[in-house]
C-alpha atoms as a PDB file:
ATOM      1  CA  MET A   1      22.139 -17.110  21.833  1.00  0.00           C
ATOM      2  CA  ASN A   2      21.676 -13.538  22.909  1.00  0.00           C
ATOM      3  CA  VAL A   3      19.863 -12.344  26.024  1.00  0.00           C
ATOM      4  CA  THR A   4      16.751 -11.278  24.134  1.00  0.00           C
ATOM      5  CA  ALA A   5      16.259 -14.757  22.714  1.00  0.00           C
ATOM      6  CA  VAL A   6      16.659 -16.329  26.164  1.00  0.00           C
ATOM      7  CA  VAL A   7      14.045 -13.973  27.627  1.00  0.00           C
ATOM      8  CA  ILE A   8      11.603 -14.690  24.792  1.00  0.00           C
ATOM      9  CA  VAL A   9      12.050 -18.462  25.200  1.00  0.00           C
ATOM     10  CA  ALA A  10      11.505 -18.140  28.969  1.00  0.00           C
ATOM     11  CA  ILE A  11       8.330 -16.104  28.501  1.00  0.00           C
ATOM     12  CA  VAL A  12       6.950 -18.558  25.933  1.00  0.00           C
ATOM     13  CA  GLY A  13       7.836 -21.495  28.198  1.00  0.00           C
ATOM     14  CA  VAL A  14       6.109 -19.968  31.233  1.00  0.00           C
ATOM     15  CA  THR A  15       3.057 -19.105  29.124  1.00  0.00           C
ATOM     16  CA  ILE A  16       2.797 -22.690  27.832  1.00  0.00           C
ATOM     17  CA  ILE A  17       3.019 -24.070  31.379  1.00  0.00           C
ATOM     18  CA  LYS A  18       0.313 -21.682  32.617  1.00  0.00           C
ATOM     19  CA  LEU A  19      -1.963 -22.614  29.701  1.00  0.00           C
ATOM     20  CA  ALA A  20      -1.474 -26.319  30.405  1.00  0.00           C
ATOM     21  CA  LYS A  21      -2.387 -25.795  34.069  1.00  0.00           C
ATOM     22  CA  LEU A  22      -5.497 -23.805  33.117  1.00  0.00           C
ATOM     23  CA  MET A  23      -6.599 -26.485  30.665  1.00  0.00           C
ATOM     24  CA  ASP A  24      -6.129 -29.180  33.317  1.00  0.00           C
ATOM     25  CA  LYS A  25      -8.118 -27.142  35.820  1.00  0.00           C
ATOM     26  CA  ALA A  26     -10.907 -26.639  33.264  1.00  0.00           C
ATOM     27  CA  ARG A  27     -11.078 -30.407  32.673  1.00  0.00           C
ATOM     28  CA  GLN A  28     -11.320 -31.023  36.419  1.00  0.00           C
ATOM     29  CA  ASN A  29     -14.126 -28.469  36.754  1.00  0.00           C
ATOM     30  CA  LYS A  30     -15.964 -30.045  33.847  1.00  0.00           C
ATOM     31  CA  SER A  31     -15.802 -33.516  35.394  1.00  0.00           C
ATOM     32  CA  GLY A  32     -16.847 -32.064  38.757  1.00  0.00           C
ATOM     33  CA  SER A  33     -19.858 -30.326  37.258  1.00  0.00           C
ATOM     34  CA  SER A  34     -20.937 -33.498  35.454  1.00  0.00           C
ATOM     35  CA  GLN A  35     -20.675 -35.370  38.753  1.00  0.00           C
ATOM     36  CA  GLN A  36     -22.802 -32.689  40.409  1.00  0.00           C
ATOM     37  CA  ALA A  37     -25.324 -32.970  37.571  1.00  0.00           C
ATOM     38  CA  ARG A  38     -25.565 -36.723  38.211  1.00  0.00           C
ATOM     39  CA  GLN A  39     -26.174 -36.043  41.910  1.00  0.00           C
ATOM     40  CA  TYR A  40     -28.949 -33.597  41.016  1.00  0.00           C
ATOM     41  CA  ASP A  41     -30.496 -36.154  38.670  1.00  0.00           C
ATOM     42  CA  THR A  42     -30.487 -38.734  41.476  1.00  0.00           C
ATOM     43  CA  GLN A  43     -32.107 -36.289  43.905  1.00  0.00           C
ATOM     44  CA  ILE A  44     -34.742 -35.298  41.357  1.00  0.00           C
ATOM     45  CA  ALA A  45     -35.572 -38.956  40.690  1.00  0.00           C
ATOM     46  CA  ALA A  46     -35.987 -39.576  44.434  1.00  0.00           C
ATOM     47  CA  LEU A  47     -38.254 -36.540  44.788  1.00  0.00           C
ATOM     48  CA  ARG A  48     -40.372 -37.631  41.828  1.00  0.00           C
ATOM     49  CA  GLU A  49     -40.811 -41.037  43.424  1.00  0.00           C
ATOM     50  CA  ARG A  50     -41.915 -39.428  46.695  1.00  0.00           C
ATOM     51  CA  ILE A  51     -44.415 -37.243  44.839  1.00  0.00           C
ATOM     52  CA  GLU A  52     -45.831 -40.293  43.069  1.00  0.00           C
ATOM     53  CA  VAL A  53     -46.314 -42.033  46.414  1.00  0.00           C
ATOM     54  CA  LEU A  54     -48.055 -38.976  47.860  1.00  0.00           C
ATOM     55  CA  GLU A  55     -50.296 -38.731  44.793  1.00  0.00           C
ATOM     56  CA  ARG A  56     -51.270 -42.398  45.188  1.00  0.00           C
ATOM     57  CA  ILE A  57     -52.088 -41.850  48.854  1.00  0.00           C
ATOM     58  CA  VAL A  58     -54.212 -38.767  48.194  1.00  0.00           C
ATOM     59  CA  THR A  59     -56.061 -40.239  45.213  1.00  0.00           C
ATOM     60  CA  ASP A  60     -56.679 -43.597  46.914  1.00  0.00           C
ATOM     61  CA  GLU A  61     -60.424 -44.185  47.337  1.00  0.00           C
ATOM     62  CA  GLY A  62     -59.920 -45.399  50.893  1.00  0.00           C
ATOM     63  CA  TYR A  63     -58.157 -42.216  51.858  1.00  0.00           C
ATOM     64  CA  ASP A  64     -60.794 -39.924  53.250  1.00  0.00           C
ATOM     65  CA  LEU A  65     -59.068 -36.803  54.524  1.00  0.00           C
ATOM     66  CA  LYS A  66     -62.269 -35.031  55.481  1.00  0.00           C
ATOM     67  CA  LYS A  67     -63.331 -37.968  57.634  1.00  0.00           C
ATOM     68  CA  GLN A  68     -60.001 -37.982  59.397  1.00  0.00           C
ATOM     69  CA  PHE A  69     -60.243 -34.244  60.119  1.00  0.00           C
ATOM     70  CA  ASN A  70     -63.747 -34.735  61.491  1.00  0.00           C
ATOM     71  CA  ASN A  71     -62.499 -37.540  63.715  1.00  0.00           C
ATOM     72  CA  LEU A  72     -59.729 -35.294  65.012  1.00  0.00           C
ATOM     73  CA  ASN A  73     -62.240 -32.524  65.745  1.00  0.00           C
ATOM     74  CA  LYS A  74     -64.462 -34.977  67.610  1.00  0.00           C
ATOM     75  CA  ASP A  75     -61.490 -36.176  69.673  1.00  0.00           C
ATOM     76  CA  ASP A  76     -60.617 -32.553  70.528  1.00  0.00           C
ATOM     77  CA  ASP A  77     -64.226 -31.872  71.595  1.00  0.00           C
ATOM     78  CA  HIS A  78     -64.169 -34.849  73.978  1.00  0.00           C
ATOM     79  CA  VAL A  79     -60.881 -33.761  75.566  1.00  0.00           C
ATOM     80  CA  ALA A  80     -61.897 -30.154  76.116  1.00  0.00           C
END
């Protein structure tokens, strides 16, 4: 085998190793991003649940925000 053939084989070998490492890294990033997507989905579901609870509180017939503000104003008038 001449020197040129050895150099070509070495270059091809190094290139194959680098490509394999890049492909492995890409797979790891893909699995990491899917894990992050699952975390986002979990957070979004929790936030939706909190919003639903707040909507139920605000739309509840027994929840009278204006009355509560008036009561607070009356309490402030008595203190002052």
